[in-house]
Protein backbone atom coordinates (compact mmCIF):
# COMPACT_ATOMS: atom_id res chain seq x y z
CA MET A 1 0.19 0.18 0.02
CA ILE A 2 2.94 2.38 0.97
CA PHE A 3 4.76 1.60 -2.17
CA ARG A 4 1.65 1.84 -4.55
CA THR A 5 1.01 5.52 -2.76
CA LEU A 6 4.94 6.49 -3.22
CA LEU A 7 4.52 5.23 -7.00
CA PHE A 8 1.48 7.36 -7.41
CA THR A 9 2.88 10.46 -5.92
CA LEU A 10 5.95 10.05 -7.98
CA SER A 11 4.23 9.42 -11.22
CA SER A 12 1.73 12.67 -10.30
CA PHE A 13 4.97 14.58 -10.11
CA ILE A 14 6.31 13.65 -13.17
CA ALA A 15 2.99 14.41 -14.72
CA PHE A 16 2.97 17.83 -13.07
CA GLY A 17 6.46 18.66 -14.63
CA ALA A 18 5.35 17.66 -18.28
CA GLU A 19 4.93 20.33 -20.91
CA ASN A 20 1.37 19.00 -21.30
CA SER A 21 0.38 18.76 -17.74
CA ALA A 22 -3.25 18.56 -16.98
CA TYR A 23 -2.48 20.37 -13.74
CA PRO A 24 -2.86 24.24 -13.65
CA ASN A 25 -0.04 26.14 -13.40
CA ALA A 26 -0.37 28.81 -10.52
CA PHE A 27 1.52 31.40 -12.56
CA ILE A 28 -0.87 31.12 -15.70
CA ASP A 29 -4.29 32.38 -15.96
CA GLU A 30 -5.89 30.27 -18.64
CA ILE A 31 -9.41 31.25 -19.27
CA PRO A 32 -11.05 29.08 -22.19
CA GLY A 33 -13.44 30.84 -24.32
CA ASP A 34 -15.95 29.98 -26.93
CA SER A 35 -14.86 32.30 -29.78
CA PRO A 36 -12.08 32.27 -32.34
CA LEU A 37 -10.28 35.14 -30.76
CA VAL A 38 -7.41 34.17 -28.58
CA ILE A 39 -5.65 36.96 -26.70
CA SER A 40 -1.92 36.46 -24.62
CA ALA A 41 -0.55 38.72 -22.34
CA PRO A 42 2.90 37.71 -21.46
CA HIS A 43 4.35 40.85 -19.87
CA GLY A 44 1.76 41.96 -17.54
CA GLY A 45 2.32 39.79 -14.30
CA ARG A 46 3.41 41.17 -11.00
CA GLU A 47 4.16 37.84 -9.00
CA LYS A 48 7.92 37.84 -7.98
CA PRO A 49 8.18 34.19 -5.89
CA ALA A 50 11.63 34.04 -3.97
CA ASP A 51 12.33 30.63 -5.14
CA ILE A 52 12.58 32.16 -8.85
CA PRO A 53 15.79 34.05 -9.15
CA ASN A 54 15.70 37.29 -11.10
CA ARG A 55 16.60 36.96 -14.84
CA THR A 56 20.14 38.27 -15.37
CA TYR A 57 19.73 39.52 -18.73
CA GLY A 58 17.17 40.56 -21.31
CA VAL A 59 14.40 42.96 -20.86
CA THR A 60 12.92 42.75 -17.27
CA ASP A 61 10.40 45.71 -16.86
CA ALA A 62 6.68 44.68 -17.03
CA ASP A 63 4.18 46.05 -19.23
CA ALA A 64 2.11 47.90 -16.83
CA ASN A 65 -1.45 47.23 -16.93
CA THR A 66 -1.33 44.77 -19.94
CA GLN A 67 -3.25 42.03 -17.92
CA GLU A 68 -6.04 44.45 -16.87
CA LEU A 69 -6.11 45.66 -20.51
CA ALA A 70 -6.75 42.15 -21.97
CA ARG A 71 -9.30 41.39 -19.21
CA THR A 72 -10.93 44.75 -20.05
CA VAL A 73 -10.97 43.77 -23.95
CA GLY A 74 -12.30 40.21 -23.11
CA GLU A 75 -15.14 41.76 -21.28
CA HIS A 76 -16.16 44.26 -23.70
CA PHE A 77 -16.08 41.34 -26.35
CA PHE A 78 -18.51 39.45 -24.47
CA LYS A 79 -20.69 42.45 -23.94
CA SER A 80 -20.79 43.00 -27.66
CA THR A 81 -20.99 39.44 -29.11
CA GLY A 82 -22.45 37.12 -26.29
CA HIS A 83 -19.15 35.23 -26.66
CA ARG A 84 -15.93 35.17 -24.82
CA PRO A 85 -12.19 35.28 -26.15
CA HIS A 86 -9.60 32.66 -24.87
CA LEU A 87 -7.39 34.55 -22.29
CA ILE A 88 -3.99 33.39 -21.59
CA ILE A 89 -2.10 35.64 -19.03
CA CYS A 90 1.37 35.18 -17.48
CA LEU A 91 1.26 36.26 -13.88
CA LEU A 92 4.77 36.38 -13.00
CA HIS A 93 6.72 39.58 -13.32
CA ARG A 94 9.07 39.96 -16.41
CA SER A 95 12.12 39.92 -13.96
CA LYS A 96 11.35 36.17 -13.20
CA LEU A 97 9.94 35.09 -16.72
CA ASP A 98 9.58 36.59 -20.15
CA ALA A 99 6.99 34.51 -21.80
CA ASN A 100 7.45 36.12 -25.28
CA ARG A 101 11.30 34.66 -25.72
CA ASP A 102 12.59 31.50 -26.42
CA ILE A 103 12.94 29.38 -23.33
CA LYS A 104 16.68 29.89 -22.80
CA GLU A 105 16.30 33.82 -22.47
CA ALA A 106 12.80 33.54 -20.93
CA ALA A 107 13.50 31.45 -17.94
CA GLN A 108 17.25 31.43 -17.68
CA ARG A 109 17.65 27.65 -16.53
CA ASN A 110 15.27 27.96 -13.70
CA ALA A 111 12.98 24.87 -13.48
CA ILE A 112 9.96 26.61 -12.01
CA ALA A 113 10.23 29.45 -14.87
CA GLU A 114 10.79 26.81 -17.35
CA LYS A 115 7.39 24.88 -16.60
CA ALA A 116 5.52 27.93 -16.39
CA TRP A 117 7.02 28.88 -19.92
CA HIS A 118 5.77 25.47 -21.26
CA ASP A 119 2.48 25.96 -19.44
CA TYR A 120 1.89 29.24 -20.84
CA HIS A 121 2.77 28.31 -24.47
CA ALA A 122 0.89 24.93 -24.24
CA ALA A 123 -2.05 26.90 -23.10
CA ILE A 124 -2.01 28.97 -26.24
CA THR A 125 -1.65 25.97 -28.27
CA ARG A 126 -4.82 24.63 -26.87
CA ALA A 127 -6.68 27.72 -27.41
CA LEU A 128 -5.83 28.01 -30.82
CA ALA A 129 -6.84 24.49 -31.57
CA ALA A 130 -10.21 24.68 -30.01
CA ALA A 131 -10.93 27.70 -31.98
CA VAL A 132 -9.73 26.27 -35.12
CA ALA A 133 -11.86 22.94 -34.36
CA ARG A 134 -15.05 24.93 -33.40
CA HIS A 135 -14.91 27.69 -35.91
CA GLY A 136 -12.58 26.80 -38.41
CA PHE A 137 -9.85 29.59 -37.67
CA ALA A 138 -8.41 31.30 -34.83
CA PHE A 139 -7.16 34.89 -34.48
CA LEU A 140 -4.44 35.49 -32.00
CA ILE A 141 -3.73 39.08 -30.44
CA ASP A 142 -0.48 38.97 -28.52
CA LEU A 143 -0.98 41.95 -26.55
CA HIS A 144 1.87 44.14 -24.98
CA GLY A 145 2.78 47.87 -23.82
CA GLN A 146 5.36 50.40 -24.96
CA ASN A 147 6.01 53.94 -24.29
CA HIS A 148 7.40 54.98 -27.21
CA LYS A 149 6.77 58.74 -28.72
CA GLY A 150 3.73 59.79 -30.61
CA LEU A 151 1.21 57.71 -28.44
CA ARG A 152 0.48 55.47 -31.31
CA VAL A 153 -0.72 51.77 -31.19
CA GLU A 154 1.75 49.52 -32.90
CA LEU A 155 0.67 46.73 -34.97
CA GLY A 156 3.17 44.00 -35.54
CA TYR A 157 2.58 41.54 -38.27
CA LEU A 158 6.33 40.26 -38.27
CA HIS A 159 7.44 42.75 -40.78
CA SER A 160 10.17 45.46 -39.65
CA SER A 161 9.75 49.10 -40.66
CA THR A 162 12.36 48.53 -43.43
CA LYS A 163 10.32 45.95 -44.86
CA LEU A 164 7.47 48.05 -44.86
CA ALA A 165 9.08 50.55 -46.58
CA GLN A 166 9.33 48.73 -49.76
CA PRO A 167 7.16 49.40 -52.82
CA ASP A 168 3.86 47.86 -52.94
CA PRO A 169 4.42 45.65 -55.62
CA LEU A 170 7.22 43.92 -53.19
CA LEU A 171 4.73 43.82 -50.37
CA ASP A 172 2.21 42.33 -52.25
CA ALA A 173 4.14 39.09 -53.46
CA PRO A 174 2.92 36.02 -52.04
CA ALA A 175 6.17 35.27 -50.85
CA PHE A 176 6.42 38.30 -48.53
CA ALA A 177 3.00 37.60 -47.34
CA ALA A 178 4.37 34.39 -46.28
CA THR A 179 6.91 35.79 -43.93
CA GLY A 180 3.88 37.56 -41.86
CA SER A 181 1.33 36.68 -39.36
CA LEU A 182 -1.59 37.54 -41.81
CA GLN A 183 -0.55 34.86 -44.24
CA PHE A 184 -4.12 33.14 -43.66
CA MET A 185 -6.13 36.19 -43.87
CA ALA A 186 -4.19 37.37 -47.10
CA LYS A 187 -5.15 33.71 -48.87
CA ASN A 188 -8.76 34.96 -48.32
CA ALA A 189 -8.92 38.69 -48.62
CA THR A 190 -10.09 40.65 -51.77
CA VAL A 191 -7.65 43.42 -51.29
CA SER A 192 -3.79 43.36 -51.93
CA TYR A 193 -1.58 42.49 -49.01
CA SER A 194 -0.12 46.02 -48.55
CA ALA A 195 -3.76 47.16 -48.48
CA LEU A 196 -4.45 44.51 -45.88
CA LEU A 197 -1.34 45.95 -43.91
CA LYS A 198 -2.01 49.77 -44.37
CA GLY A 199 -5.06 50.56 -46.50
CA PRO A 200 -8.47 52.10 -45.60
CA THR A 201 -9.77 48.94 -44.33
CA SER A 202 -6.71 47.80 -42.31
CA LEU A 203 -7.04 47.35 -38.69
CA GLY A 204 -4.72 50.43 -38.22
CA ALA A 205 -7.38 52.64 -40.35
CA LEU A 206 -10.20 51.00 -38.53
CA LEU A 207 -8.33 52.25 -35.07
CA GLU A 208 -7.49 55.51 -36.33
CA ASN A 209 -11.31 56.20 -37.30
CA GLY A 210 -12.01 55.38 -33.71
CA GLY A 211 -9.47 58.03 -32.53
CA PHE A 212 -6.27 56.02 -31.60
CA HIS A 213 -3.26 56.74 -33.78
CA SER A 214 -2.15 53.44 -35.09
CA THR A 215 0.67 52.24 -37.26
CA PRO A 216 0.93 50.83 -40.04
CA SER A 217 -2.13 52.95 -41.21
CA PRO A 218 -2.74 55.25 -44.08
CA ARG A 219 -1.84 58.06 -41.89
CA LEU A 220 1.59 56.31 -41.12
CA PRO A 221 2.11 53.28 -43.39
CA VAL A 222 5.55 52.97 -42.40
CA PRO A 223 6.28 53.13 -38.84
CA ASP A 224 9.15 55.24 -37.49
CA GLU A 225 11.71 53.80 -35.06
CA PRO A 226 11.45 52.50 -32.42
CA TYR A 227 8.99 50.06 -33.63
CA PHE A 228 7.85 46.44 -32.31
CA ARG A 229 7.31 44.28 -35.26
CA GLY A 230 5.81 41.17 -33.37
CA GLY A 231 8.05 38.93 -31.48
CA TYR A 232 8.45 35.33 -30.39
CA THR A 233 4.97 34.35 -29.43
CA VAL A 234 3.33 35.64 -32.88
CA ASP A 235 6.21 33.83 -34.80
CA ARG A 236 5.94 30.53 -32.84
CA HIS A 237 2.11 30.25 -33.02
CA ILE A 238 0.97 32.15 -36.05
CA ARG A 239 3.40 32.00 -38.98
CA GLY A 240 3.07 28.99 -41.09
CA THR A 241 0.41 27.57 -39.00
CA PRO A 242 -2.92 26.86 -41.26
CA GLU A 243 -5.95 28.62 -40.23
CA VAL A 244 -4.49 30.95 -37.53
CA THR A 245 -3.88 34.55 -38.15
CA GLY A 246 -3.26 37.61 -36.01
CA LEU A 247 -0.65 39.93 -34.91
CA GLN A 248 1.05 41.79 -31.81
CA ILE A 249 -0.39 44.92 -30.48
CA GLU A 250 1.66 47.30 -28.60
CA ALA A 251 -0.30 49.69 -26.71
CA ASN A 252 0.78 52.98 -25.55
CA ARG A 253 0.53 53.61 -21.96
CA THR A 254 -0.44 57.47 -21.68
CA ARG A 255 -4.02 57.95 -22.30
CA LEU A 256 -4.45 54.07 -23.11
CA ARG A 257 -3.13 51.67 -20.44
CA ASP A 258 -2.87 54.25 -17.76
CA THR A 259 -6.21 54.30 -16.14
CA ALA A 260 -9.29 51.77 -16.22
CA ALA A 261 -11.64 54.69 -18.03
CA ASN A 262 -8.61 54.76 -20.77
CA ARG A 263 -8.36 50.82 -21.13
CA GLU A 264 -12.13 50.75 -21.40
CA ARG A 265 -12.26 53.31 -24.02
CA PHE A 266 -9.71 51.42 -26.05
CA ALA A 267 -11.64 48.36 -25.78
CA ILE A 268 -14.72 49.92 -26.83
CA VAL A 269 -13.03 50.87 -30.13
CA LEU A 270 -10.62 47.98 -30.48
CA VAL A 271 -13.49 45.10 -30.45
CA PRO A 272 -15.79 46.27 -33.17
CA SER A 273 -12.34 47.32 -35.31
CA LEU A 274 -11.48 43.54 -34.99
CA LEU A 275 -15.14 42.49 -35.80
CA THR A 276 -14.95 44.41 -39.03
CA PHE A 277 -11.44 43.62 -39.94
CA VAL A 278 -12.05 39.80 -40.01
CA ARG A 279 -15.40 39.89 -41.36
CA THR A 280 -14.02 42.24 -44.31
CA HIS A 281 -11.00 40.23 -45.11
CA LEU A 282 -11.71 36.59 -43.76
CA LYS A 283 -15.39 36.75 -44.40
CA LYS A 284 -15.61 35.05 -41.08
CA ASP A 285 -17.39 36.03 -37.75
CA LEU A 286 -14.86 36.86 -35.09
CA GLY A 287 -17.79 36.71 -32.46
CA GLY A 288 -18.38 33.05 -32.97
CA ARG A 289 -21.70 33.02 -34.51
């Protein structure tokens, strides 16, 4: 009996440490939804457990209020559609784990942080798979914050500002679209890829129409530097993955992330912009209907 109990305990411990563990990780808030929208927030955590040492290299500052922004967008999405997005939020402070980097830089060889990293990305994989199985596609938003000059929302499709400065015929080449995060959408869209990125029905244009300066957009088709093009999460979970599309959103702090009222104001504009963007170019309903 004692041996059997010890064997069960050991087996449970091994299972808990596996990447596809069925046990929830205390540092990852995984909230399943019923729509095609998946929102991840890797840098808004505040927890600093003493048994995870501080990371010694890489960016260690948090993206203030991004987990609150993700939850606000989720609530407004529900109010607007009657359906909920999948939310995956890392609760660890970035000084302990950077979930938007490869595991070596992200966790810096700490076993607890490594497990949280695996659980975070496994949760995103589960959410995307559930969305595709239910709706035939998934739309991922990897939500971040930045404090660059200009108070603009940066939309990262995995293209640098240098690449976006190329002439439209080069942007419209299928080989270029294949390097970005909107590849699945581009295959279904009735507009050119350059128009999808920065045209009058682009996400940037829709956000600008709602009062939030954004790039790329018709007003600012080529982002000035510094500009975040999209990082590890978007590249890992979207590029080259059939039936998954999306982007990285870098929200400015001032007048957007700084107060609950401003986060609500942005959510009220972002949600219908996303619904229109997907409906226009994918001919699908992001609301899950």
